[in-house]
Amino acid sequence: GDPPVTLKLAARAVEVETAARCPYCRDELVGQADVSVITCEGCGTPQHFECNEENGGCPVLGCGAAVARRALAT
């Protein structure tokens, strides 16, 4: 048959000018008093502790981590 097709993919880094947001509630992760931010032990995504509790684990599609407890230094 036909010869195999070779695809070349390129990626580039893009700086984001906006503040990081919680993947569950979409609120900003910084600048809020009395709000605990943690990172998922499965995928490393930062999120609100309260959102992780309400959701029963990491809300990132495909992660599946039930526990995310590592607190981020502020």
C-alpha atoms as a PDB file:
ATOM      1  CA  GLY A   1       0.000   0.000   0.000  1.00  0.00           C
ATOM      2  CA  ASP A   2       0.823   3.576   0.561  1.00  0.00           C
ATOM      3  CA  PRO A   3       3.984   4.611   2.433  1.00  0.00           C
ATOM      4  CA  PRO A   4       3.505   5.561   6.116  1.00  0.00           C
ATOM      5  CA  VAL A   5       2.730   9.191   6.869  1.00  0.00           C
ATOM      6  CA  THR A   6       5.087  11.030   9.218  1.00  0.00           C
ATOM      7  CA  LEU A   7       3.691  13.905  11.257  1.00  0.00           C
ATOM      8  CA  LYS A   8       5.867  16.435  13.023  1.00  0.00           C
ATOM      9  CA  LEU A   9       4.288  18.186  15.971  1.00  0.00           C
ATOM     10  CA  ALA A  10       5.603  21.325  17.594  1.00  0.00           C
ATOM     11  CA  ALA A  11       4.732  22.771  20.983  1.00  0.00           C
ATOM     12  CA  ARG A  12       5.575  26.101  22.487  1.00  0.00           C
ATOM     13  CA  ALA A  13       5.202  27.554  25.949  1.00  0.00           C
ATOM     14  CA  VAL A  14       2.656  30.295  26.416  1.00  0.00           C
ATOM     15  CA  GLU A  15       2.696  32.669  29.362  1.00  0.00           C
ATOM     16  CA  VAL A  16      -0.665  33.201  30.973  1.00  0.00           C
ATOM     17  CA  GLU A  17      -1.373  36.652  32.359  1.00  0.00           C
ATOM     18  CA  THR A  18      -4.324  35.640  34.524  1.00  0.00           C
ATOM     19  CA  ALA A  19      -4.322  34.206  38.032  1.00  0.00           C
ATOM     20  CA  ALA A  20      -4.630  30.466  38.509  1.00  0.00           C
ATOM     21  CA  ARG A  21      -8.177  29.243  39.080  1.00  0.00           C
ATOM     22  CA  CYS A  22      -9.623  26.298  40.949  1.00  0.00           C
ATOM     23  CA  PRO A  23     -10.698  23.595  38.463  1.00  0.00           C
ATOM     24  CA  TYR A  24     -13.863  22.933  40.504  1.00  0.00           C
ATOM     25  CA  CYS A  25     -15.352  26.366  41.313  1.00  0.00           C
ATOM     26  CA  ARG A  26     -13.273  28.459  38.843  1.00  0.00           C
ATOM     27  CA  ASP A  27     -12.510  31.119  41.510  1.00  0.00           C
ATOM     28  CA  GLU A  28      -8.971  32.492  41.784  1.00  0.00           C
ATOM     29  CA  LEU A  29      -6.632  30.491  44.000  1.00  0.00           C
ATOM     30  CA  VAL A  30      -4.732  33.444  45.440  1.00  0.00           C
ATOM     31  CA  GLY A  31      -5.699  36.658  47.147  1.00  0.00           C
ATOM     32  CA  GLN A  32      -8.547  35.284  49.253  1.00  0.00           C
ATOM     33  CA  ALA A  33      -8.397  35.411  53.044  1.00  0.00           C
ATOM     34  CA  ASP A  34      -9.075  32.193  54.967  1.00  0.00           C
ATOM     35  CA  VAL A  35      -9.027  29.984  51.857  1.00  0.00           C
ATOM     36  CA  SER A  36      -6.854  26.851  51.897  1.00  0.00           C
ATOM     37  CA  VAL A  37      -5.194  25.838  48.639  1.00  0.00           C
ATOM     38  CA  ILE A  38      -3.860  22.312  48.145  1.00  0.00           C
ATOM     39  CA  THR A  39      -2.346  20.382  45.264  1.00  0.00           C
ATOM     40  CA  CYS A  40      -3.587  17.025  44.065  1.00  0.00           C
ATOM     41  CA  GLU A  41      -1.257  14.177  44.972  1.00  0.00           C
ATOM     42  CA  GLY A  42      -2.244  12.463  41.711  1.00  0.00           C
ATOM     43  CA  CYS A  43      -1.845  15.176  39.069  1.00  0.00           C
ATOM     44  CA  GLY A  44      -0.377  18.156  40.962  1.00  0.00           C
ATOM     45  CA  THR A  45      -3.218  20.548  40.112  1.00  0.00           C
ATOM     46  CA  PRO A  46      -3.768  23.296  42.695  1.00  0.00           C
ATOM     47  CA  GLN A  47      -7.324  23.620  44.004  1.00  0.00           C
ATOM     48  CA  HIS A  48      -9.294  24.830  47.011  1.00  0.00           C
ATOM     49  CA  PHE A  49      -9.337  22.400  49.927  1.00  0.00           C
ATOM     50  CA  GLU A  50     -13.075  22.979  50.366  1.00  0.00           C
ATOM     51  CA  CYS A  51     -13.754  22.252  46.692  1.00  0.00           C
ATOM     52  CA  ASN A  52     -11.794  19.016  46.895  1.00  0.00           C
ATOM     53  CA  GLU A  53     -13.834  17.981  49.935  1.00  0.00           C
ATOM     54  CA  GLU A  54     -17.161  18.887  48.300  1.00  0.00           C
ATOM     55  CA  ASN A  55     -16.252  17.046  45.094  1.00  0.00           C
ATOM     56  CA  GLY A  56     -14.919  13.991  46.908  1.00  0.00           C
ATOM     57  CA  GLY A  57     -11.527  14.253  45.207  1.00  0.00           C
ATOM     58  CA  CYS A  58      -9.736  15.921  42.351  1.00  0.00           C
ATOM     59  CA  PRO A  59     -12.087  17.459  39.746  1.00  0.00           C
ATOM     60  CA  VAL A  60      -9.587  17.165  36.882  1.00  0.00           C
ATOM     61  CA  LEU A  61     -10.949  14.862  34.175  1.00  0.00           C
ATOM     62  CA  GLY A  62      -8.997  11.636  34.079  1.00  0.00           C
ATOM     63  CA  CYS A  63      -7.126  12.175  37.349  1.00  0.00           C
ATOM     64  CA  GLY A  64      -9.306  10.109  39.659  1.00  0.00           C
ATOM     65  CA  ALA A  65      -7.326  10.937  42.807  1.00  0.00           C
ATOM     66  CA  ALA A  66      -9.668  10.648  45.760  1.00  0.00           C
ATOM     67  CA  VAL A  67      -7.393  12.528  48.146  1.00  0.00           C
ATOM     68  CA  ALA A  68      -5.522  15.786  47.664  1.00  0.00           C
ATOM     69  CA  ARG A  69      -4.031  16.969  50.897  1.00  0.00           C
ATOM     70  CA  ARG A  70      -0.638  18.546  50.265  1.00  0.00           C
ATOM     71  CA  ALA A  71      -0.986  22.186  51.330  1.00  0.00           C
ATOM     72  CA  LEU A  72       0.701  24.843  49.220  1.00  0.00           C
ATOM     73  CA  ALA A  73       2.999  27.300  50.942  1.00  0.00           C
ATOM     74  CA  THR A  74       1.583  30.802  50.900  1.00  0.00           C
END
